Amino acid sequence: MMKDQSMPHEMNVDALTAHDLKTNDPKANDLVMIKPSLQLVELVQSVNHLLCEYYQDYQQNQVLQISSKADKSPVTEADMAAHHLIEQGLKKISPMIPVLSEESSDYQLRFDWQEFWLVDPLDGTREFINKTGEFTVNIALIRHGMVELAIIGIPTLKRIYLTQKNQPLYRIDETQDGLKWQEILPKPVDFSKWQLAISRRSEWKVYQQFKQSLHDREQAFDCKNAGSAYKFCLMLEGEIDVYPRFHPTSEWDTAAGQGLLEAIGGGVYDLQGRPFAYNQRHDLLNGHFMAVRHDDFLQTALLAAHEAVKD
């Protein structure tokens, strides 16, 4: 099943005005961030469209080619099509910046990279296969180990989240009238009752111990299931406060989400409370982590996590 993987038409970036961007009275310095990012938004929009085509065909019971990677995780023809489109687009946008993607094979070339794109072309392959709709496109620009720019697309919602370090966070919705840009501000926080993102593997003992530790600390919470990096997007909207992760992930799973959370006063931390850094190790596997939409959740969450993993 072949899909249209052509790049979207180029936009006249220099001619853009605040009206064109449809933001809520954006500041002049905001436009400095937006203008260089427009090609990236167009790229993610095109990947959203591509993945939606595959997904809609799959929902209508057309055959989807699925194989297994070396770690036995699934990969589909949609993953590979998205990978090729993103790689093509990023090389056009920034020819001198290398690309490290989940579906690429050049991991050993990365050790001297100080700046690179870190990409998961289809985060939530199992969600795609299981037809939940909770899959995303994740792209982060890494500079000296830190997230400089982050973008996540949600194909089924025709939505994109974008930020750059020390700049606002934007939600970009595709409408009949074009792309609607809206600055996303941190949502109000209720520390008395957490909204907790628990993996669909929540039957694992460590997650049960984490919840018990919160109970022991008299921390009330409700649980919400969601797929992969889709959880990060729910955190941006204030629907999830804390996302603990005690089973394996890789660097491309977290980088974009981390950058977006940092824009609203949260982040992704190891169990020592350190923000994740990227391309600092021989492997690309993350350890356990705690993602929070506000840093004031972190201390209690880490104490509960230490109790959960100590056995």
C-alpha atoms as a PDB file:
ATOM      1  CA  MET A   1       0.000   0.000   0.000  1.00  0.00           C
ATOM      2  CA  MET A   2       1.742   3.135  -1.226  1.00  0.00           C
ATOM      3  CA  LYS A   3       0.719   6.588  -0.056  1.00  0.00           C
ATOM      4  CA  ASP A   4       1.422  10.080  -1.338  1.00  0.00           C
ATOM      5  CA  GLN A   5       4.654  11.079   0.419  1.00  0.00           C
ATOM      6  CA  SER A   6       5.246  14.351  -1.414  1.00  0.00           C
ATOM      7  CA  MET A   7       6.266  17.401   0.557  1.00  0.00           C
ATOM      8  CA  PRO A   8       3.631  20.116   1.131  1.00  0.00           C
ATOM      9  CA  HIS A   9       3.893  23.344  -0.836  1.00  0.00           C
ATOM     10  CA  GLU A  10       6.384  25.883   0.452  1.00  0.00           C
ATOM     11  CA  MET A  11       5.046  28.906   2.322  1.00  0.00           C
ATOM     12  CA  ASN A  12       6.195  32.496   1.931  1.00  0.00           C
ATOM     13  CA  VAL A  13       7.552  32.765   5.462  1.00  0.00           C
ATOM     14  CA  ASP A  14       8.782  36.343   5.096  1.00  0.00           C
ATOM     15  CA  ALA A  15       5.307  37.567   4.151  1.00  0.00           C
ATOM     16  CA  LEU A  16       3.631  36.127   7.239  1.00  0.00           C
ATOM     17  CA  THR A  17       1.893  38.443   9.684  1.00  0.00           C
ATOM     18  CA  ALA A  18       0.339  37.918  13.092  1.00  0.00           C
ATOM     19  CA  HIS A  19      -3.036  37.686  11.335  1.00  0.00           C
ATOM     20  CA  ASP A  20      -1.758  34.897   9.091  1.00  0.00           C
ATOM     21  CA  LEU A  21      -0.585  32.913  12.098  1.00  0.00           C
ATOM     22  CA  LYS A  22      -3.960  33.291  13.828  1.00  0.00           C
ATOM     23  CA  THR A  23      -2.483  33.562  17.288  1.00  0.00           C
ATOM     24  CA  ASN A  24      -4.041  35.479  20.145  1.00  0.00           C
ATOM     25  CA  ASP A  25      -2.146  38.779  19.805  1.00  0.00           C
ATOM     26  CA  PRO A  26       1.325  37.185  19.583  1.00  0.00           C
ATOM     27  CA  LYS A  27       4.317  39.174  20.755  1.00  0.00           C
ATOM     28  CA  ALA A  28       6.919  40.142  18.195  1.00  0.00           C
ATOM     29  CA  ASN A  29       9.550  37.883  19.734  1.00  0.00           C
ATOM     30  CA  ASP A  30       7.128  34.937  19.441  1.00  0.00           C
ATOM     31  CA  LEU A  31       7.214  35.342  15.667  1.00  0.00           C
ATOM     32  CA  VAL A  32      10.974  34.936  15.746  1.00  0.00           C
ATOM     33  CA  MET A  33      10.402  31.395  16.993  1.00  0.00           C
ATOM     34  CA  ILE A  34       7.450  30.612  14.737  1.00  0.00           C
ATOM     35  CA  LYS A  35       8.878  31.682  11.392  1.00  0.00           C
ATOM     36  CA  PRO A  36      11.840  29.251  11.271  1.00  0.00           C
ATOM     37  CA  SER A  37       9.509  26.487  12.487  1.00  0.00           C
ATOM     38  CA  LEU A  38       6.847  26.776   9.792  1.00  0.00           C
ATOM     39  CA  GLN A  39       8.514  24.300   7.464  1.00  0.00           C
ATOM     40  CA  LEU A  40       8.708  21.859  10.354  1.00  0.00           C
ATOM     41  CA  VAL A  41       4.999  22.338  11.083  1.00  0.00           C
ATOM     42  CA  GLU A  42       4.225  21.707   7.414  1.00  0.00           C
ATOM     43  CA  LEU A  43       6.327  18.559   7.522  1.00  0.00           C
ATOM     44  CA  VAL A  44       4.545  17.183  10.592  1.00  0.00           C
ATOM     45  CA  GLN A  45       1.200  18.107   9.057  1.00  0.00           C
ATOM     46  CA  SER A  46       2.091  16.061   5.982  1.00  0.00           C
ATOM     47  CA  VAL A  47       3.139  13.118   8.175  1.00  0.00           C
ATOM     48  CA  ASN A  48      -0.143  13.411  10.087  1.00  0.00           C
ATOM     49  CA  HIS A  49      -1.994  13.142   6.774  1.00  0.00           C
ATOM     50  CA  LEU A  50       0.087  10.184   5.641  1.00  0.00           C
ATOM     51  CA  LEU A  51      -0.459   8.233   8.857  1.00  0.00           C
ATOM     52  CA  CYS A  52      -4.176   9.001   8.808  1.00  0.00           C
ATOM     53  CA  GLU A  53      -4.410   7.486   5.334  1.00  0.00           C
ATOM     54  CA  TYR A  54      -2.789   4.275   6.523  1.00  0.00           C
ATOM     55  CA  TYR A  55      -4.881   4.264   9.690  1.00  0.00           C
ATOM     56  CA  GLN A  56      -8.196   4.807   7.913  1.00  0.00           C
ATOM     57  CA  ASP A  57      -7.402   2.038   5.436  1.00  0.00           C
ATOM     58  CA  TYR A  58      -6.441  -0.268   8.300  1.00  0.00           C
ATOM     59  CA  GLN A  59      -9.680   0.553  10.149  1.00  0.00           C
ATOM     60  CA  GLN A  60     -11.530  -0.494   7.005  1.00  0.00           C
ATOM     61  CA  ASN A  61      -9.779  -3.872   7.227  1.00  0.00           C
ATOM     62  CA  GLN A  62      -7.218  -3.341   4.505  1.00  0.00           C
ATOM     63  CA  VAL A  63      -4.068  -5.380   5.077  1.00  0.00           C
ATOM     64  CA  LEU A  64      -1.299  -3.609   7.007  1.00  0.00           C
ATOM     65  CA  GLN A  65       2.196  -5.039   6.721  1.00  0.00           C
ATOM     66  CA  ILE A  66       3.522  -5.705  10.237  1.00  0.00           C
ATOM     67  CA  SER A  67       6.911  -7.160  11.143  1.00  0.00           C
ATOM     68  CA  SER A  68       9.012  -7.488  14.294  1.00  0.00           C
ATOM     69  CA  LYS A  69      12.239  -5.656  15.099  1.00  0.00           C
ATOM     70  CA  ALA A  70      15.195  -7.222  16.879  1.00  0.00           C
ATOM     71  CA  ASP A  71      13.676  -6.366  20.270  1.00  0.00           C
ATOM     72  CA  LYS A  72      10.421  -8.058  19.154  1.00  0.00           C
ATOM     73  CA  SER A  73       8.504  -4.777  19.113  1.00  0.00           C
ATOM     74  CA  PRO A  74       6.235  -4.316  16.088  1.00  0.00           C
ATOM     75  CA  VAL A  75       6.951  -2.090  13.114  1.00  0.00           C
ATOM     76  CA  THR A  76       4.506  -1.420  10.298  1.00  0.00           C
ATOM     77  CA  GLU A  77       4.677  -0.093   6.774  1.00  0.00           C
ATOM     78  CA  ALA A  78       3.163   3.107   8.200  1.00  0.00           C
ATOM     79  CA  ASP A  79       6.177   3.509  10.544  1.00  0.00           C
ATOM     80  CA  MET A  80       8.567   3.191   7.637  1.00  0.00           C
ATOM     81  CA  ALA A  81       6.631   5.521   5.335  1.00  0.00           C
ATOM     82  CA  ALA A  82       6.549   8.186   8.061  1.00  0.00           C
ATOM     83  CA  HIS A  83      10.264   7.692   8.719  1.00  0.00           C
ATOM     84  CA  HIS A  84      11.181   8.232   5.074  1.00  0.00           C
ATOM     85  CA  LEU A  85       8.984  11.322   4.759  1.00  0.00           C
ATOM     86  CA  ILE A  86      10.415  12.897   7.928  1.00  0.00           C
ATOM     87  CA  GLU A  87      13.998  12.117   6.965  1.00  0.00           C
ATOM     88  CA  GLN A  88      13.449  13.621   3.523  1.00  0.00           C
ATOM     89  CA  GLY A  89      11.814  16.712   5.004  1.00  0.00           C
ATOM     90  CA  LEU A  90      14.409  17.351   7.712  1.00  0.00           C
ATOM     91  CA  LYS A  91      17.252  17.042   5.218  1.00  0.00           C
ATOM     92  CA  LYS A  92      15.528  19.700   3.132  1.00  0.00           C
ATOM     93  CA  ILE A  93      14.875  21.988   6.107  1.00  0.00           C
ATOM     94  CA  SER A  94      18.334  21.632   7.696  1.00  0.00           C
ATOM     95  CA  PRO A  95      20.790  19.807   5.419  1.00  0.00           C
ATOM     96  CA  MET A  96      23.692  20.044   7.889  1.00  0.00           C
ATOM     97  CA  ILE A  97      21.867  18.592  10.912  1.00  0.00           C
ATOM     98  CA  PRO A  98      21.884  14.770  11.111  1.00  0.00           C
ATOM     99  CA  VAL A  99      18.765  12.733  11.865  1.00  0.00           C
ATOM    100  CA  LEU A 100      18.514   9.917  14.400  1.00  0.00           C
ATOM    101  CA  SER A 101      15.238   8.045  13.995  1.00  0.00           C
ATOM    102  CA  GLU A 102      13.814   4.956  15.639  1.00  0.00           C
ATOM    103  CA  GLU A 103      13.603   3.382  12.211  1.00  0.00           C
ATOM    104  CA  SER A 104      17.128   4.339  11.082  1.00  0.00           C
ATOM    105  CA  SER A 105      20.158   2.119  11.502  1.00  0.00           C
ATOM    106  CA  ASP A 106      23.061   4.561  11.893  1.00  0.00           C
ATOM    107  CA  TYR A 107      23.119   4.663  15.695  1.00  0.00           C
ATOM    108  CA  GLN A 108      26.904   4.250  15.913  1.00  0.00           C
ATOM    109  CA  LEU A 109      27.544   7.450  13.956  1.00  0.00           C
ATOM    110  CA  ARG A 110      25.970   9.654  16.610  1.00  0.00           C
ATOM    111  CA  PHE A 111      28.623   9.877  19.319  1.00  0.00           C
ATOM    112  CA  ASP A 112      30.226  13.099  18.078  1.00  0.00           C
ATOM    113  CA  TRP A 113      26.943  14.825  17.286  1.00  0.00           C
ATOM    114  CA  GLN A 114      26.426  18.046  19.243  1.00  0.00           C
ATOM    115  CA  GLU A 115      23.223  18.875  17.368  1.00  0.00           C
ATOM    116  CA  PHE A 116      20.793  16.452  15.748  1.00  0.00           C
ATOM    117  CA  TRP A 117      17.150  15.655  15.151  1.00  0.00           C
ATOM    118  CA  LEU A 118      15.769  12.878  17.373  1.00  0.00           C
ATOM    119  CA  VAL A 119      12.699  11.316  15.781  1.00  0.00           C
ATOM    120  CA  ASP A 120      10.025   8.747  16.484  1.00  0.00           C
ATOM    121  CA  PRO A 121       8.042   8.719  13.234  1.00  0.00           C
ATOM    122  CA  LEU A 122       5.162   6.740  14.744  1.00  0.00           C
ATOM    123  CA  ASP A 123       5.137   6.664  18.526  1.00  0.00           C
ATOM    124  CA  GLY A 124       2.559   4.152  19.698  1.00  0.00           C
ATOM    125  CA  THR A 125       2.783   1.487  17.008  1.00  0.00           C
ATOM    126  CA  ARG A 126       0.832  -0.883  19.244  1.00  0.00           C
ATOM    127  CA  GLU A 127      -1.852   1.782  19.675  1.00  0.00           C
ATOM    128  CA  PHE A 128      -1.993   2.084  15.878  1.00  0.00           C
ATOM    129  CA  ILE A 129      -2.314  -1.693  15.490  1.00  0.00           C
ATOM    130  CA  ASN A 130      -4.931  -1.888  18.256  1.00  0.00           C
ATOM    131  CA  LYS A 131      -6.893   0.957  16.637  1.00  0.00           C
ATOM    132  CA  THR A 132      -7.038   3.218  19.709  1.00  0.00           C
ATOM    133  CA  GLY A 133      -6.079   6.338  17.739  1.00  0.00           C
ATOM    134  CA  GLU A 134      -3.556   7.313  20.429  1.00  0.00           C
ATOM    135  CA  PHE A 135      -0.391   7.498  18.350  1.00  0.00           C
ATOM    136  CA  THR A 136       1.840  10.468  17.624  1.00  0.00           C
ATOM    137  CA  VAL A 137       4.694  11.867  15.537  1.00  0.00           C
ATOM    138  CA  ASN A 138       7.613  12.978  17.742  1.00  0.00           C
ATOM    139  CA  ILE A 139      10.474  15.229  16.630  1.00  0.00           C
ATOM    140  CA  ALA A 140      13.008  17.001  18.857  1.00  0.00           C
ATOM    141  CA  LEU A 141      16.064  19.070  18.028  1.00  0.00           C
ATOM    142  CA  ILE A 142      18.815  18.128  20.487  1.00  0.00           C
ATOM    143  CA  ARG A 143      21.670  20.548  21.162  1.00  0.00           C
ATOM    144  CA  HIS A 144      24.456  19.612  23.597  1.00  0.00           C
ATOM    145  CA  GLY A 145      22.239  16.934  25.126  1.00  0.00           C
ATOM    146  CA  MET A 146      19.271  19.215  25.796  1.00  0.00           C
ATOM    147  CA  VAL A 147      15.979  19.648  23.940  1.00  0.00           C
ATOM    148  CA  GLU A 148      16.146  22.856  21.907  1.00  0.00           C
ATOM    149  CA  LEU A 149      12.928  22.454  19.917  1.00  0.00           C
ATOM    150  CA  ALA A 150      10.062  19.987  20.310  1.00  0.00           C
ATOM    151  CA  ILE A 151       7.087  19.100  18.165  1.00  0.00           C
ATOM    152  CA  ILE A 152       4.463  16.367  18.496  1.00  0.00           C
ATOM    153  CA  GLY A 153       1.717  15.668  15.972  1.00  0.00           C
ATOM    154  CA  ILE A 154      -1.497  13.782  16.722  1.00  0.00           C
ATOM    155  CA  PRO A 155      -2.712  12.526  13.337  1.00  0.00           C
ATOM    156  CA  THR A 156      -6.214  11.493  14.429  1.00  0.00           C
ATOM    157  CA  LEU A 157      -6.894  14.953  15.913  1.00  0.00           C
ATOM    158  CA  LYS A 158      -5.199  16.919  13.102  1.00  0.00           C
ATOM    159  CA  ARG A 159      -3.234  18.645  15.851  1.00  0.00           C
ATOM    160  CA  ILE A 160       0.374  19.690  16.465  1.00  0.00           C
ATOM    161  CA  TYR A 161       2.138  20.971  19.588  1.00  0.00           C
ATOM    162  CA  LEU A 162       5.283  23.058  19.107  1.00  0.00           C
ATOM    163  CA  THR A 163       7.746  24.902  21.284  1.00  0.00           C
ATOM    164  CA  GLN A 164      11.333  26.060  21.282  1.00  0.00           C
ATOM    165  CA  LYS A 165      13.521  26.535  24.348  1.00  0.00           C
ATOM    166  CA  ASN A 166      12.586  29.687  26.286  1.00  0.00           C
ATOM    167  CA  GLN A 167       9.662  30.348  23.926  1.00  0.00           C
ATOM    168  CA  PRO A 168       5.892  29.834  24.254  1.00  0.00           C
ATOM    169  CA  LEU A 169       4.097  26.567  23.616  1.00  0.00           C
ATOM    170  CA  TYR A 170       1.648  26.480  20.716  1.00  0.00           C
ATOM    171  CA  ARG A 171      -1.206  24.168  19.820  1.00  0.00           C
ATOM    172  CA  ILE A 172      -1.794  24.176  16.080  1.00  0.00           C
ATOM    173  CA  ASP A 173      -5.107  22.787  14.843  1.00  0.00           C
ATOM    174  CA  GLU A 174      -5.884  22.072  11.224  1.00  0.00           C
ATOM    175  CA  THR A 175      -9.236  23.640  10.321  1.00  0.00           C
ATOM    176  CA  GLN A 176     -11.179  24.274   7.129  1.00  0.00           C
ATOM    177  CA  ASP A 177      -9.741  27.801   7.178  1.00  0.00           C
ATOM    178  CA  GLY A 178      -6.129  26.666   7.554  1.00  0.00           C
ATOM    179  CA  LEU A 179      -3.878  26.238  10.564  1.00  0.00           C
ATOM    180  CA  LYS A 180      -5.087  27.846  13.778  1.00  0.00           C
ATOM    181  CA  TRP A 181      -2.278  28.725  16.195  1.00  0.00           C
ATOM    182  CA  GLN A 182      -3.024  29.174  19.885  1.00  0.00           C
ATOM    183  CA  GLU A 183      -0.565  29.780  22.697  1.00  0.00           C
ATOM    184  CA  ILE A 184      -1.012  27.209  25.469  1.00  0.00           C
ATOM    185  CA  LEU A 185      -0.512  28.479  29.003  1.00  0.00           C
ATOM    186  CA  PRO A 186      -0.081  26.238  32.055  1.00  0.00           C
ATOM    187  CA  LYS A 187      -3.437  24.953  33.267  1.00  0.00           C
ATOM    188  CA  PRO A 188      -4.544  25.355  36.906  1.00  0.00           C
ATOM    189  CA  VAL A 189      -3.193  22.668  39.215  1.00  0.00           C
ATOM    190  CA  ASP A 190      -5.054  20.765  41.951  1.00  0.00           C
ATOM    191  CA  PHE A 191      -2.406  19.184  44.141  1.00  0.00           C
ATOM    192  CA  SER A 192      -5.011  17.636  46.437  1.00  0.00           C
ATOM    193  CA  LYS A 193      -6.057  15.052  43.840  1.00  0.00           C
ATOM    194  CA  TRP A 194      -3.675  14.019  41.094  1.00  0.00           C
ATOM    195  CA  GLN A 195      -4.632  12.888  37.633  1.00  0.00           C
ATOM    196  CA  LEU A 196      -2.265   9.975  37.171  1.00  0.00           C
ATOM    197  CA  ALA A 197      -1.316   8.429  33.824  1.00  0.00           C
ATOM    198  CA  ILE A 198      -0.890   4.711  34.288  1.00  0.00           C
ATOM    199  CA  SER A 199       0.371   2.526  31.475  1.00  0.00           C
ATOM    200  CA  ARG A 200      -1.830  -0.167  30.040  1.00  0.00           C
ATOM    201  CA  ARG A 201       0.751  -2.439  31.642  1.00  0.00           C
ATOM    202  CA  SER A 202      -0.457  -1.145  35.001  1.00  0.00           C
ATOM    203  CA  GLU A 203      -0.963  -4.679  36.250  1.00  0.00           C
ATOM    204  CA  TRP A 204       2.815  -4.859  36.687  1.00  0.00           C
ATOM    205  CA  LYS A 205       3.722  -5.055  40.360  1.00  0.00           C
ATOM    206  CA  VAL A 206       5.818  -1.878  40.328  1.00  0.00           C
ATOM    207  CA  TYR A 207       2.848   0.249  39.249  1.00  0.00           C
ATOM    208  CA  GLN A 208       0.670  -1.275  41.945  1.00  0.00           C
ATOM    209  CA  GLN A 209       3.395  -0.483  44.487  1.00  0.00           C
ATOM    210  CA  PHE A 210       3.635   3.087  43.227  1.00  0.00           C
ATOM    211  CA  LYS A 211      -0.085   3.616  43.707  1.00  0.00           C
ATOM    212  CA  GLN A 212       0.049   2.014  47.151  1.00  0.00           C
ATOM    213  CA  SER A 213       2.887   4.337  48.133  1.00  0.00           C
ATOM    214  CA  LEU A 214       0.767   7.332  47.126  1.00  0.00           C
ATOM    215  CA  HIS A 215      -2.076   5.958  49.238  1.00  0.00           C
ATOM    216  CA  ASP A 216       0.320   5.567  52.174  1.00  0.00           C
ATOM    217  CA  ARG A 217       1.220   9.248  51.798  1.00  0.00           C
ATOM    218  CA  GLU A 218      -2.483  10.142  51.746  1.00  0.00           C
ATOM    219  CA  GLN A 219      -2.142  11.477  48.227  1.00  0.00           C
ATOM    220  CA  ALA A 220      -5.470  11.156  46.411  1.00  0.00           C
ATOM    221  CA  PHE A 221      -5.445  10.391  42.693  1.00  0.00           C
ATOM    222  CA  ASP A 222      -7.501   9.214  39.755  1.00  0.00           C
ATOM    223  CA  CYS A 223      -5.988   7.011  37.053  1.00  0.00           C
ATOM    224  CA  LYS A 224      -6.195   7.561  33.327  1.00  0.00           C
ATOM    225  CA  ASN A 225      -4.999   5.183  30.613  1.00  0.00           C
ATOM    226  CA  ALA A 226      -3.501   6.623  27.452  1.00  0.00           C
ATOM    227  CA  GLY A 227      -1.038   5.524  24.811  1.00  0.00           C
ATOM    228  CA  SER A 228       2.648   6.359  24.635  1.00  0.00           C
ATOM    229  CA  ALA A 229       3.530  10.019  23.935  1.00  0.00           C
ATOM    230  CA  TYR A 230      -0.171  10.806  23.692  1.00  0.00           C
ATOM    231  CA  LYS A 231       0.083  11.068  27.490  1.00  0.00           C
ATOM    232  CA  PHE A 232       2.408  14.067  27.165  1.00  0.00           C
ATOM    233  CA  CYS A 233      -0.198  15.876  25.075  1.00  0.00           C
ATOM    234  CA  LEU A 234      -2.885  15.234  27.689  1.00  0.00           C
ATOM    235  CA  MET A 235      -0.512  16.717  30.265  1.00  0.00           C
ATOM    236  CA  LEU A 236      -0.220  19.891  28.199  1.00  0.00           C
ATOM    237  CA  GLU A 237      -4.010  20.208  28.333  1.00  0.00           C
ATOM    238  CA  GLY A 238      -4.134  19.697  32.107  1.00  0.00           C
ATOM    239  CA  GLU A 239      -5.805  16.279  31.855  1.00  0.00           C
ATOM    240  CA  ILE A 240      -2.845  14.404  33.376  1.00  0.00           C
ATOM    241  CA  ASP A 241      -0.579  15.647  36.159  1.00  0.00           C
ATOM    242  CA  VAL A 242       1.930  12.844  36.717  1.00  0.00           C
ATOM    243  CA  TYR A 243       3.158  10.087  34.400  1.00  0.00           C
ATOM    244  CA  PRO A 244       5.401   7.434  36.000  1.00  0.00           C
ATOM    245  CA  ARG A 245       7.222   5.008  33.719  1.00  0.00           C
ATOM    246  CA  PHE A 246       8.925   1.880  35.015  1.00  0.00           C
ATOM    247  CA  HIS A 247       9.229  -0.188  31.842  1.00  0.00           C
ATOM    248  CA  PRO A 248      11.575   0.380  28.904  1.00  0.00           C
ATOM    249  CA  THR A 249      11.573   3.400  26.626  1.00  0.00           C
ATOM    250  CA  SER A 250      14.146   4.904  24.291  1.00  0.00           C
ATOM    251  CA  GLU A 251      15.378   8.459  23.905  1.00  0.00           C
ATOM    252  CA  TRP A 252      13.140   9.194  20.906  1.00  0.00           C
ATOM    253  CA  ASP A 253      10.106   8.264  23.039  1.00  0.00           C
ATOM    254  CA  THR A 254      10.633  11.094  25.539  1.00  0.00           C
ATOM    255  CA  ALA A 255      12.624  13.966  23.999  1.00  0.00           C
ATOM    256  CA  ALA A 256       9.790  15.832  22.285  1.00  0.00           C
ATOM    257  CA  GLY A 257       7.448  15.349  25.232  1.00  0.00           C
ATOM    258  CA  GLN A 258      10.106  16.622  27.602  1.00  0.00           C
ATOM    259  CA  GLY A 259      10.620  19.789  25.591  1.00  0.00           C
ATOM    260  CA  LEU A 260       6.896  20.499  25.517  1.00  0.00           C
ATOM    261  CA  LEU A 261       6.461  19.891  29.250  1.00  0.00           C
ATOM    262  CA  GLU A 262       9.389  22.166  30.093  1.00  0.00           C
ATOM    263  CA  ALA A 263       7.554  24.976  28.306  1.00  0.00           C
ATOM    264  CA  ILE A 264       4.741  24.824  30.897  1.00  0.00           C
ATOM    265  CA  GLY A 265       6.891  24.375  34.018  1.00  0.00           C
ATOM    266  CA  GLY A 266       7.173  20.593  34.115  1.00  0.00           C
ATOM    267  CA  GLY A 267       9.555  18.048  32.661  1.00  0.00           C
ATOM    268  CA  VAL A 268      10.813  14.485  32.426  1.00  0.00           C
ATOM    269  CA  TYR A 269      13.144  13.377  35.220  1.00  0.00           C
ATOM    270  CA  ASP A 270      15.078  10.309  36.261  1.00  0.00           C
ATOM    271  CA  LEU A 271      14.417   8.926  39.724  1.00  0.00           C
ATOM    272  CA  GLN A 272      17.191  11.124  41.156  1.00  0.00           C
ATOM    273  CA  GLY A 273      15.268  14.196  39.996  1.00  0.00           C
ATOM    274  CA  ARG A 274      17.603  15.044  37.102  1.00  0.00           C
ATOM    275  CA  PRO A 275      16.170  16.168  33.755  1.00  0.00           C
ATOM    276  CA  PHE A 276      16.802  13.670  31.004  1.00  0.00           C
ATOM    277  CA  ALA A 277      19.795  14.433  28.766  1.00  0.00           C
ATOM    278  CA  TYR A 278      20.245  12.909  25.316  1.00  0.00           C
ATOM    279  CA  ASN A 279      23.010  11.168  23.389  1.00  0.00           C
ATOM    280  CA  GLN A 280      25.115  10.886  26.532  1.00  0.00           C
ATOM    281  CA  ARG A 281      25.418   7.075  26.699  1.00  0.00           C
ATOM    282  CA  HIS A 282      26.415   4.148  24.520  1.00  0.00           C
ATOM    283  CA  ASP A 283      22.844   2.905  24.337  1.00  0.00           C
ATOM    284  CA  LEU A 284      19.659   4.832  23.681  1.00  0.00           C
ATOM    285  CA  LEU A 285      17.560   3.274  26.437  1.00  0.00           C
ATOM    286  CA  ASN A 286      16.012   5.450  29.123  1.00  0.00           C
ATOM    287  CA  GLY A 287      15.878   4.442  32.737  1.00  0.00           C
ATOM    288  CA  HIS A 288      12.766   4.763  34.894  1.00  0.00           C
ATOM    289  CA  PHE A 289      11.327   8.251  34.741  1.00  0.00           C
ATOM    290  CA  MET A 290       8.772  10.606  36.197  1.00  0.00           C
ATOM    291  CA  ALA A 291       7.024  13.107  33.929  1.00  0.00           C
ATOM    292  CA  VAL A 292       5.166  15.969  35.608  1.00  0.00           C
ATOM    293  CA  ARG A 293       3.285  18.938  34.222  1.00  0.00           C
ATOM    294  CA  HIS A 294       4.389  21.091  37.169  1.00  0.00           C
ATOM    295  CA  ASP A 295       7.614  20.603  39.097  1.00  0.00           C
ATOM    296  CA  ASP A 296       5.793  20.838  42.436  1.00  0.00           C
ATOM    297  CA  PHE A 297       4.454  17.318  41.809  1.00  0.00           C
ATOM    298  CA  LEU A 298       7.960  15.916  41.590  1.00  0.00           C
ATOM    299  CA  GLN A 299       9.090  15.429  45.186  1.00  0.00           C
ATOM    300  CA  THR A 300       6.130  13.317  46.302  1.00  0.00           C
ATOM    301  CA  ALA A 301       6.129  11.385  43.027  1.00  0.00           C
ATOM    302  CA  LEU A 302       9.822  10.520  43.391  1.00  0.00           C
ATOM    303  CA  LEU A 303       9.386   9.379  46.987  1.00  0.00           C
ATOM    304  CA  ALA A 304       6.592   7.056  45.883  1.00  0.00           C
ATOM    305  CA  ALA A 305       8.703   5.824  42.971  1.00  0.00           C
ATOM    306  CA  HIS A 306      11.644   4.966  45.232  1.00  0.00           C
ATOM    307  CA  GLU A 307       9.308   2.877  47.381  1.00  0.00           C
ATOM    308  CA  ALA A 308       7.913   1.167  44.304  1.00  0.00           C
ATOM    309  CA  VAL A 309      11.245   0.113  42.793  1.00  0.00           C
ATOM    310  CA  LYS A 310      13.218  -0.755  45.926  1.00  0.00           C
ATOM    311  CA  ASP A 311      12.121  -4.403  45.856  1.00  0.00           C
END
